C-alpha atoms as a PDB file:
ATOM      1  CA  MET A   1     -22.241   3.257  54.979  1.00  0.00           C
ATOM      2  CA  ILE A   2     -19.420   2.117  57.257  1.00  0.00           C
ATOM      3  CA  LEU A   3     -22.205   1.615  60.196  1.00  0.00           C
ATOM      4  CA  SER A   4     -24.342  -0.841  57.782  1.00  0.00           C
ATOM      5  CA  VAL A   5     -21.347  -2.985  56.694  1.00  0.00           C
ATOM      6  CA  LEU A   6     -20.235  -3.432  60.715  1.00  0.00           C
ATOM      7  CA  THR A   7     -23.859  -3.886  61.581  1.00  0.00           C
ATOM      8  CA  CYS A   8     -24.110  -6.473  58.934  1.00  0.00           C
ATOM      9  CA  GLY A   9     -20.825  -7.973  60.022  1.00  0.00           C
ATOM     10  CA  ALA A  10     -22.163  -8.199  63.622  1.00  0.00           C
ATOM     11  CA  GLY A  11     -25.542  -9.969  62.583  1.00  0.00           C
ATOM     12  CA  MET A  12     -23.365 -12.684  60.421  1.00  0.00           C
ATOM     13  CA  TYR A  13     -21.052 -13.170  63.605  1.00  0.00           C
ATOM     14  CA  ILE A  14     -24.375 -13.588  65.960  1.00  0.00           C
ATOM     15  CA  GLY A  15     -26.045 -15.722  63.312  1.00  0.00           C
ATOM     16  CA  LEU A  16     -23.032 -18.188  63.151  1.00  0.00           C
ATOM     17  CA  TYR A  17     -22.345 -18.631  66.884  1.00  0.00           C
ATOM     18  CA  PHE A  18     -25.507 -17.474  68.434  1.00  0.00           C
ATOM     19  CA  ASN A  19     -29.337 -18.148  68.337  1.00  0.00           C
ATOM     20  CA  LEU A  20     -32.387 -15.954  68.250  1.00  0.00           C
ATOM     21  CA  LEU A  21     -32.385 -15.113  71.971  1.00  0.00           C
ATOM     22  CA  ALA A  22     -29.093 -13.287  71.662  1.00  0.00           C
ATOM     23  CA  LEU A  23     -30.364 -11.120  68.762  1.00  0.00           C
ATOM     24  CA  LEU A  24     -33.221  -9.851  70.584  1.00  0.00           C
ATOM     25  CA  PRO A  25     -31.646  -8.163  73.427  1.00  0.00           C
ATOM     26  CA  LEU A  26     -28.756  -7.157  71.720  1.00  0.00           C
ATOM     27  CA  SER A  27     -31.033  -5.322  69.179  1.00  0.00           C
ATOM     28  CA  ALA A  28     -32.900  -3.631  72.270  1.00  0.00           C
ATOM     29  CA  LEU A  29     -29.824  -2.596  73.814  1.00  0.00           C
ATOM     30  CA  GLY A  30     -28.483  -1.265  70.662  1.00  0.00           C
ATOM     31  CA  ALA A  31     -31.609   0.642  70.027  1.00  0.00           C
ATOM     32  CA  GLY A  32     -31.765   2.222  73.482  1.00  0.00           C
ATOM     33  CA  ALA A  33     -28.147   3.305  73.019  1.00  0.00           C
ATOM     34  CA  TYR A  34     -28.545   4.743  69.771  1.00  0.00           C
ATOM     35  CA  LEU A  35     -31.634   6.839  70.637  1.00  0.00           C
ATOM     36  CA  LEU A  36     -30.155   8.112  73.745  1.00  0.00           C
ATOM     37  CA  ALA A  37     -26.785   8.999  72.004  1.00  0.00           C
ATOM     38  CA  ALA A  38     -28.983  10.702  69.255  1.00  0.00           C
ATOM     39  CA  TRP A  39     -31.268  12.692  71.697  1.00  0.00           C
ATOM     40  CA  SER A  40     -28.424  13.826  73.779  1.00  0.00           C
ATOM     41  CA  SER A  41     -26.512  15.173  70.495  1.00  0.00           C
ATOM     42  CA  GLY A  42     -29.834  17.111  69.595  1.00  0.00           C
ATOM     43  CA  GLN A  43     -30.565  14.930  66.515  1.00  0.00           C
ATOM     44  CA  ASN A  44     -33.901  15.151  64.947  1.00  0.00           C
ATOM     45  CA  LEU A  45     -36.164  12.341  66.144  1.00  0.00           C
ATOM     46  CA  PHE A  46     -37.399  11.253  62.714  1.00  0.00           C
ATOM     47  CA  ASP A  47     -34.023  10.867  61.384  1.00  0.00           C
ATOM     48  CA  SER A  48     -33.107   8.919  64.445  1.00  0.00           C
ATOM     49  CA  VAL A  49     -35.928   6.594  64.227  1.00  0.00           C
ATOM     50  CA  TRP A  50     -35.114   6.023  60.253  1.00  0.00           C
ATOM     51  CA  ASN A  51     -31.707   5.254  60.819  1.00  0.00           C
ATOM     52  CA  LEU A  52     -32.460   3.010  63.831  1.00  0.00           C
ATOM     53  CA  LEU A  53     -34.944   1.040  61.560  1.00  0.00           C
ATOM     54  CA  LEU A  54     -32.449   0.708  58.762  1.00  0.00           C
ATOM     55  CA  THR A  55     -29.745  -0.345  61.441  1.00  0.00           C
ATOM     56  CA  ILE A  56     -31.970  -3.418  63.005  1.00  0.00           C
ATOM     57  CA  ILE A  57     -32.793  -4.324  59.339  1.00  0.00           C
ATOM     58  CA  VAL A  58     -29.538  -4.697  58.263  1.00  0.00           C
ATOM     59  CA  ILE A  59     -28.592  -6.710  61.744  1.00  0.00           C
ATOM     60  CA  GLN A  60     -31.428  -8.955  60.992  1.00  0.00           C
ATOM     61  CA  ALA A  61     -30.148  -9.578  57.365  1.00  0.00           C
ATOM     62  CA  GLY A  62     -26.727 -10.299  58.489  1.00  0.00           C
ATOM     63  CA  TYR A  63     -28.028 -12.626  61.071  1.00  0.00           C
ATOM     64  CA  MET A  64     -30.025 -14.569  58.436  1.00  0.00           C
ATOM     65  CA  VAL A  65     -26.993 -14.687  56.264  1.00  0.00           C
ATOM     66  CA  GLY A  66     -25.154 -16.019  59.170  1.00  0.00           C
ATOM     67  CA  LEU A  67     -27.781 -18.560  59.943  1.00  0.00           C
ATOM     68  CA  THR A  68     -27.698 -19.614  56.147  1.00  0.00           C
ATOM     69  CA  ALA A  69     -23.730 -20.004  56.458  1.00  0.00           C
ATOM     70  CA  ARG A  70     -23.459 -22.158  59.515  1.00  0.00           C
ATOM     71  CA  ASP A  71     -23.591 -25.529  57.873  1.00  0.00           C
ATOM     72  CA  PRO A  72     -20.799 -24.685  55.115  1.00  0.00           C
ATOM     73  CA  TYR A  73     -18.740 -22.842  57.539  1.00  0.00           C
ATOM     74  CA  ARG A  74     -18.586 -25.705  60.023  1.00  0.00           C
ATOM     75  CA  GLN A  75     -17.785 -27.843  57.109  1.00  0.00           C
ATOM     76  CA  ILE A  76     -14.958 -25.657  56.162  1.00  0.00           C
ATOM     77  CA  LEU A  77     -13.595 -25.720  59.569  1.00  0.00           C
ATOM     78  CA  GLU A  78     -14.053 -29.310  59.751  1.00  0.00           C
ATOM     79  CA  ARG A  79     -12.068 -29.866  56.632  1.00  0.00           C
ATOM     80  CA  ILE A  80      -9.097 -27.532  57.993  1.00  0.00           C
ATOM     81  CA  GLY A  81      -9.196 -29.541  61.054  1.00  0.00           C
ATOM     82  CA  SER A  82      -8.974 -32.795  59.263  1.00  0.00           C
ATOM     83  CA  ILE A  83      -6.195 -31.648  57.133  1.00  0.00           C
ATOM     84  CA  GLN A  84      -4.023 -30.392  59.944  1.00  0.00           C
ATOM     85  CA  SER A  85      -4.601 -33.734  61.817  1.00  0.00           C
ATOM     86  CA  HIS A  86      -3.452 -35.651  58.851  1.00  0.00           C
ATOM     87  CA  ARG A  87      -0.248 -33.927  58.719  1.00  0.00           C
ATOM     88  CA  HIS A  88       0.759 -34.515  62.251  1.00  0.00           C
ATOM     89  CA  LEU A  89       0.555 -38.338  61.461  1.00  0.00           C
END
């Protein structure tokens, strides 16, 4: 459960600041690292693949949330920046 929340947060961060070309290599590297760690610890291959698929789905869902939140997030940052700049005048 905690891994899913962290993965979704990572996907949201990638969606806010990076494009699709950043998500693909990170997913591939993460999948390779996860399968290697599961294999070295003696975990069942079927369970490893199921957990891996769930993790990839969650990171892509977080990425989509990050993409849809780009404009509102940018507007919030601009409002905060404009409020601070008016106070200094």
